C-alpha atoms as a PDB file:
ATOM      1  CA  MET A   1       0.000   0.000   0.000  1.00  0.00           C
ATOM      2  CA  VAL A   2       1.418   3.296  -1.065  1.00  0.00           C
ATOM      3  CA  PRO A   3       0.230   6.313   0.925  1.00  0.00           C
ATOM      4  CA  LYS A   4      -1.677   8.919  -1.061  1.00  0.00           C
ATOM      5  CA  GLU A   5       0.514  11.239  -3.115  1.00  0.00           C
ATOM      6  CA  ARG A   6      -0.100  14.857  -3.932  1.00  0.00           C
ATOM      7  CA  PRO A   7      -0.751  15.068  -7.657  1.00  0.00           C
ATOM      8  CA  GLU A   8       1.097  18.355  -8.149  1.00  0.00           C
ATOM      9  CA  ASP A   9       4.501  17.265  -6.865  1.00  0.00           C
ATOM     10  CA  GLY A  10       4.287  13.546  -6.051  1.00  0.00           C
ATOM     11  CA  SER A  11       5.001  14.065  -2.333  1.00  0.00           C
ATOM     12  CA  ILE A  12       3.122  12.075   0.301  1.00  0.00           C
ATOM     13  CA  THR A  13       0.084  13.865   1.712  1.00  0.00           C
ATOM     14  CA  PRO A  14       0.352  14.071   5.511  1.00  0.00           C
ATOM     15  CA  ILE A  15      -2.516  12.301   7.245  1.00  0.00           C
ATOM     16  CA  SER A  16      -3.316  15.543   9.071  1.00  0.00           C
ATOM     17  CA  GLU A  17      -4.207  17.113   5.698  1.00  0.00           C
ATOM     18  CA  MET A  18      -6.386  14.250   4.448  1.00  0.00           C
ATOM     19  CA  GLY A  19     -10.148  14.507   4.280  1.00  0.00           C
ATOM     20  CA  TYR A  20     -12.386  11.917   5.880  1.00  0.00           C
ATOM     21  CA  GLU A  21     -13.186   9.975   2.721  1.00  0.00           C
ATOM     22  CA  ILE A  22      -9.543   9.663   1.659  1.00  0.00           C
ATOM     23  CA  CYS A  23      -8.516   8.503   5.154  1.00  0.00           C
ATOM     24  CA  ARG A  24     -11.385   6.036   5.282  1.00  0.00           C
ATOM     25  CA  ASP A  25     -10.609   4.607   1.854  1.00  0.00           C
ATOM     26  CA  GLU A  26      -6.934   4.178   2.667  1.00  0.00           C
ATOM     27  CA  LEU A  27      -7.830   2.617   6.032  1.00  0.00           C
ATOM     28  CA  ILE A  28     -10.079   0.109   4.269  1.00  0.00           C
ATOM     29  CA  GLU A  29      -7.189  -0.783   1.974  1.00  0.00           C
ATOM     30  CA  VAL A  30      -4.813  -1.165   4.942  1.00  0.00           C
ATOM     31  CA  VAL A  31      -7.246  -3.531   6.670  1.00  0.00           C
ATOM     32  CA  ARG A  32      -7.696  -5.505   3.452  1.00  0.00           C
ATOM     33  CA  GLN A  33      -3.937  -5.933   3.067  1.00  0.00           C
ATOM     34  CA  LEU A  34      -3.470  -6.961   6.694  1.00  0.00           C
ATOM     35  CA  GLU A  35      -6.310  -9.488   6.465  1.00  0.00           C
ATOM     36  CA  GLN A  36      -4.912 -10.867   3.227  1.00  0.00           C
ATOM     37  CA  GLY A  37      -1.599 -11.601   4.941  1.00  0.00           C
ATOM     38  CA  GLY A  38       1.590 -12.569   3.214  1.00  0.00           C
ATOM     39  CA  LEU A  39       3.570  -9.579   4.489  1.00  0.00           C
ATOM     40  CA  ASP A  40       6.690  -9.894   6.571  1.00  0.00           C
ATOM     41  CA  LEU A  41       6.563  -8.758  10.191  1.00  0.00           C
ATOM     42  CA  GLU A  42       8.133  -5.338   9.606  1.00  0.00           C
ATOM     43  CA  ALA A  43       5.823  -4.515   6.690  1.00  0.00           C
ATOM     44  CA  SER A  44       2.816  -5.681   8.713  1.00  0.00           C
ATOM     45  CA  LEU A  45       3.806  -3.477  11.651  1.00  0.00           C
ATOM     46  CA  GLN A  46       4.327  -0.444   9.430  1.00  0.00           C
ATOM     47  CA  LEU A  47       0.974  -1.018   7.775  1.00  0.00           C
ATOM     48  CA  TRP A  48      -0.737  -1.478  11.147  1.00  0.00           C
ATOM     49  CA  GLU A  49       0.832   1.773  12.436  1.00  0.00           C
ATOM     50  CA  ARG A  50      -0.382   3.609   9.346  1.00  0.00           C
ATOM     51  CA  GLY A  51      -3.846   2.162   9.918  1.00  0.00           C
ATOM     52  CA  GLU A  52      -3.864   3.384  13.509  1.00  0.00           C
ATOM     53  CA  GLN A  53      -2.944   6.897  12.359  1.00  0.00           C
ATOM     54  CA  LEU A  54      -5.642   6.829   9.688  1.00  0.00           C
ATOM     55  CA  ALA A  55      -8.259   5.585  12.181  1.00  0.00           C
ATOM     56  CA  LYS A  56      -7.345   8.382  14.589  1.00  0.00           C
ATOM     57  CA  ARG A  57      -7.732  10.977  11.827  1.00  0.00           C
ATOM     58  CA  CYS A  58     -11.107   9.512  10.825  1.00  0.00           C
ATOM     59  CA  GLU A  59     -12.238   9.805  14.445  1.00  0.00           C
ATOM     60  CA  GLN A  60     -11.126  13.455  14.496  1.00  0.00           C
ATOM     61  CA  HIS A  61     -13.209  14.154  11.393  1.00  0.00           C
ATOM     62  CA  LEU A  62     -16.234  12.383  12.877  1.00  0.00           C
ATOM     63  CA  ALA A  63     -15.881  14.225  16.191  1.00  0.00           C
ATOM     64  CA  GLY A  64     -15.797  17.506  14.285  1.00  0.00           C
ATOM     65  CA  ALA A  65     -18.909  16.535  12.343  1.00  0.00           C
ATOM     66  CA  ARG A  66     -20.734  15.571  15.550  1.00  0.00           C
ATOM     67  CA  GLN A  67     -19.808  18.933  17.073  1.00  0.00           C
ATOM     68  CA  ARG A  68     -21.049  20.828  14.016  1.00  0.00           C
ATOM     69  CA  ILE A  69     -24.375  18.987  14.219  1.00  0.00           C
ATOM     70  CA  ALA A  70     -24.685  19.673  17.948  1.00  0.00           C
ATOM     71  CA  ASP A  71     -23.899  23.357  17.374  1.00  0.00           C
ATOM     72  CA  ALA A  72     -26.446  23.610  14.556  1.00  0.00           C
ATOM     73  CA  LEU A  73     -29.145  21.929  16.656  1.00  0.00           C
ATOM     74  CA  ALA A  74     -28.376  24.198  19.607  1.00  0.00           C
ATOM     75  CA  ALA A  75     -28.547  27.276  17.374  1.00  0.00           C
ATOM     76  CA  ALA A  76     -31.865  26.138  15.893  1.00  0.00           C
ATOM     77  CA  GLU A  77     -33.248  25.524  19.367  1.00  0.00           C
ATOM     78  CA  ALA A  78     -32.101  28.964  20.512  1.00  0.00           C
ATOM     79  CA  ASP A  79     -33.789  30.563  17.483  1.00  0.00           C
ATOM     80  CA  GLU A  80     -37.069  28.852  18.389  1.00  0.00           C
ATOM     81  CA  SER A  81     -37.005  30.261  21.922  1.00  0.00           C
END
């Protein structure tokens, strides 16, 4: 699994700059590769570490989305009062 590259210069996009869908898709691919097996221990560990980082970033995106929804609901409720 090759981490996502930036199209303009070919450099690796830091996970902190990835959107939810890109992180999720790469995480799915990481899980698929780990489940498929056939990797040596070092490659498996590196892939697992990448997966953990991707999962953490996905959680950050989801937490942000939950907060936006809560804020919008609170604002709507305040407008009704």
